[in-house]
Amino acid sequence: MKAHGCEIWDLASRNPDFSKLFNDGLACTSKVITSAILSGYKQGSIPLDHWLMSEVGQEV
């Protein structure tokens, strides 16, 4: 992804204000997604066997 003619990571390394905005946005998104996932589990535990990845080509 490019922003202002350069990769977003390069822009963030050169612009501290943008870096903070970008990082805060990612942190907020992560919190919202995590809350949504955890709210689906009323018992407070997540069955990890459903979340573990299998090898490529292996049926789950």
N, C-alpha and C. Protein backbone atom coordinates (compact mmCIF):
# COMPACT_ATOMS: atom_id res chain seq x y z
N MET A 1 0.84 -1.16 0.00
CA MET A 1 0.00 0.00 0.00
C MET A 1 0.90 1.24 0.00
N LYS A 2 0.55 2.21 -0.79
CA LYS A 2 1.34 3.43 -0.85
C LYS A 2 0.52 4.62 -0.38
N ALA A 3 1.22 5.55 0.27
CA ALA A 3 0.61 6.80 0.71
C ALA A 3 1.59 7.92 0.43
N HIS A 4 1.16 8.97 -0.24
CA HIS A 4 2.02 10.10 -0.59
C HIS A 4 3.26 9.64 -1.37
N GLY A 5 3.09 8.63 -2.22
CA GLY A 5 4.16 8.17 -3.08
C GLY A 5 5.17 7.23 -2.46
N CYS A 6 4.96 6.80 -1.21
CA CYS A 6 5.89 5.86 -0.59
C CYS A 6 5.11 4.81 0.19
N GLU A 7 5.81 3.75 0.55
CA GLU A 7 5.18 2.70 1.34
C GLU A 7 4.71 3.29 2.67
N ILE A 8 3.62 2.77 3.17
CA ILE A 8 3.03 3.32 4.39
C ILE A 8 4.00 3.23 5.57
N TRP A 9 4.83 2.18 5.60
CA TRP A 9 5.79 2.01 6.71
C TRP A 9 6.88 3.08 6.64
N ASP A 10 7.29 3.44 5.42
CA ASP A 10 8.28 4.50 5.27
C ASP A 10 7.71 5.84 5.69
N LEU A 11 6.46 6.10 5.31
CA LEU A 11 5.80 7.34 5.72
C LEU A 11 5.69 7.41 7.24
N ALA A 12 5.32 6.31 7.85
CA ALA A 12 5.18 6.29 9.31
C ALA A 12 6.54 6.50 9.99
N SER A 13 7.61 5.97 9.42
CA SER A 13 8.93 6.15 10.05
C SER A 13 9.43 7.59 9.92
N ARG A 14 8.95 8.32 8.91
CA ARG A 14 9.37 9.71 8.70
C ARG A 14 8.44 10.73 9.33
N ASN A 15 7.24 10.30 9.68
CA ASN A 15 6.23 11.25 10.18
C ASN A 15 5.66 10.74 11.50
N PRO A 16 6.16 11.22 12.63
CA PRO A 16 5.72 10.72 13.94
C PRO A 16 4.21 10.93 14.19
N ASP A 17 3.65 12.02 13.69
CA ASP A 17 2.21 12.25 13.88
C ASP A 17 1.39 11.19 13.15
N PHE A 18 1.78 10.91 11.91
CA PHE A 18 1.08 9.87 11.15
C PHE A 18 1.28 8.51 11.81
N SER A 19 2.49 8.24 12.27
CA SER A 19 2.79 6.96 12.91
C SER A 19 1.89 6.74 14.12
N LYS A 20 1.74 7.77 14.96
CA LYS A 20 0.88 7.64 16.14
C LYS A 20 -0.57 7.42 15.73
N LEU A 21 -1.04 8.16 14.75
CA LEU A 21 -2.42 8.01 14.28
C LEU A 21 -2.65 6.60 13.74
N PHE A 22 -1.72 6.12 12.94
CA PHE A 22 -1.83 4.80 12.34
C PHE A 22 -1.81 3.71 13.42
N ASN A 23 -0.85 3.79 14.34
CA ASN A 23 -0.75 2.80 15.41
C ASN A 23 -1.96 2.82 16.33
N ASP A 24 -2.44 4.01 16.66
CA ASP A 24 -3.64 4.11 17.50
C ASP A 24 -4.85 3.51 16.79
N GLY A 25 -4.94 3.72 15.48
CA GLY A 25 -6.04 3.14 14.71
C GLY A 25 -5.99 1.63 14.69
N LEU A 26 -4.80 1.07 14.53
CA LEU A 26 -4.66 -0.40 14.55
C LEU A 26 -4.99 -0.95 15.92
N ALA A 27 -4.55 -0.27 16.97
CA ALA A 27 -4.82 -0.73 18.33
C ALA A 27 -6.32 -0.70 18.62
N CYS A 28 -6.99 0.35 18.19
CA CYS A 28 -8.44 0.45 18.40
C CYS A 28 -9.18 -0.65 17.65
N THR A 29 -8.80 -0.88 16.41
CA THR A 29 -9.43 -1.92 15.62
C THR A 29 -9.23 -3.29 16.27
N SER A 30 -8.04 -3.54 16.77
CA SER A 30 -7.75 -4.81 17.43
C SER A 30 -8.62 -5.00 18.67
N LYS A 31 -8.80 -3.94 19.43
CA LYS A 31 -9.64 -4.01 20.64
C LYS A 31 -11.09 -4.31 20.28
N VAL A 32 -11.59 -3.66 19.25
CA VAL A 32 -12.98 -3.87 18.84
C VAL A 32 -13.18 -5.30 18.35
N ILE A 33 -12.26 -5.79 17.53
CA ILE A 33 -12.38 -7.15 17.00
C ILE A 33 -12.26 -8.18 18.12
N THR A 34 -11.30 -7.98 19.03
CA THR A 34 -11.12 -8.90 20.15
C THR A 34 -12.37 -8.93 21.02
N SER A 35 -12.93 -7.77 21.31
CA SER A 35 -14.16 -7.71 22.11
C SER A 35 -15.31 -8.45 21.43
N ALA A 36 -15.43 -8.28 20.12
CA ALA A 36 -16.50 -8.95 19.38
C ALA A 36 -16.32 -10.46 19.41
N ILE A 37 -15.10 -10.93 19.27
CA ILE A 37 -14.84 -12.37 19.31
C ILE A 37 -15.15 -12.92 20.70
N LEU A 38 -14.64 -12.24 21.73
CA LEU A 38 -14.83 -12.74 23.09
C LEU A 38 -16.28 -12.66 23.55
N SER A 39 -17.03 -11.71 23.02
CA SER A 39 -18.44 -11.61 23.42
C SER A 39 -19.26 -12.80 22.92
N GLY A 40 -18.75 -13.49 21.92
CA GLY A 40 -19.42 -14.68 21.40
C GLY A 40 -19.25 -15.89 22.29
N TYR A 41 -18.38 -15.80 23.26
CA TYR A 41 -18.10 -16.91 24.16
C TYR A 41 -18.56 -16.54 25.56
N LYS A 42 -19.80 -16.90 25.88
CA LYS A 42 -20.40 -16.52 27.16
C LYS A 42 -19.76 -17.20 28.35
N GLN A 43 -19.12 -18.35 28.15
CA GLN A 43 -18.50 -19.08 29.24
C GLN A 43 -17.11 -18.54 29.55
N GLY A 44 -16.59 -17.67 28.74
CA GLY A 44 -15.29 -17.07 28.97
C GLY A 44 -14.12 -17.91 28.51
N SER A 45 -14.36 -19.02 27.86
CA SER A 45 -13.26 -19.81 27.33
C SER A 45 -13.47 -20.07 25.86
N ILE A 46 -12.38 -20.13 25.16
CA ILE A 46 -12.43 -20.35 23.71
C ILE A 46 -11.88 -21.74 23.42
N PRO A 47 -12.64 -22.59 22.73
CA PRO A 47 -12.12 -23.91 22.37
C PRO A 47 -11.00 -23.76 21.33
N LEU A 48 -9.78 -23.95 21.77
CA LEU A 48 -8.63 -23.68 20.90
C LEU A 48 -8.55 -24.59 19.69
N ASP A 49 -9.14 -25.78 19.76
CA ASP A 49 -9.06 -26.67 18.60
C ASP A 49 -9.74 -26.07 17.38
N HIS A 50 -10.67 -25.14 17.56
CA HIS A 50 -11.33 -24.50 16.43
C HIS A 50 -10.46 -23.38 15.84
N TRP A 51 -9.50 -22.88 16.61
CA TRP A 51 -8.69 -21.75 16.18
C TRP A 51 -7.32 -22.18 15.66
N LEU A 52 -6.89 -23.41 15.94
CA LEU A 52 -5.57 -23.85 15.51
C LEU A 52 -5.56 -24.08 14.00
N MET A 53 -4.47 -23.70 13.39
CA MET A 53 -4.37 -23.87 11.94
C MET A 53 -3.91 -25.29 11.60
N SER A 54 -4.40 -25.79 10.51
CA SER A 54 -3.96 -27.09 10.04
C SER A 54 -2.95 -26.89 8.93
N GLU A 55 -2.28 -27.96 8.55
CA GLU A 55 -1.31 -27.88 7.48
C GLU A 55 -2.03 -27.65 6.16
N VAL A 56 -1.35 -27.05 5.22
CA VAL A 56 -1.92 -26.75 3.92
C VAL A 56 -2.35 -28.04 3.24
N GLY A 57 -3.57 -28.07 2.76
CA GLY A 57 -4.08 -29.23 2.06
C GLY A 57 -4.71 -30.26 2.96
N GLN A 58 -4.58 -30.10 4.26
CA GLN A 58 -5.16 -31.07 5.19
C GLN A 58 -6.58 -30.67 5.50
N GLU A 59 -7.49 -31.64 5.45
CA GLU A 59 -8.88 -31.34 5.79
C GLU A 59 -9.02 -31.22 7.29
N VAL A 60 -9.85 -30.29 7.71
CA VAL A 60 -10.07 -30.07 9.14
C VAL A 60 -11.27 -30.85 9.59
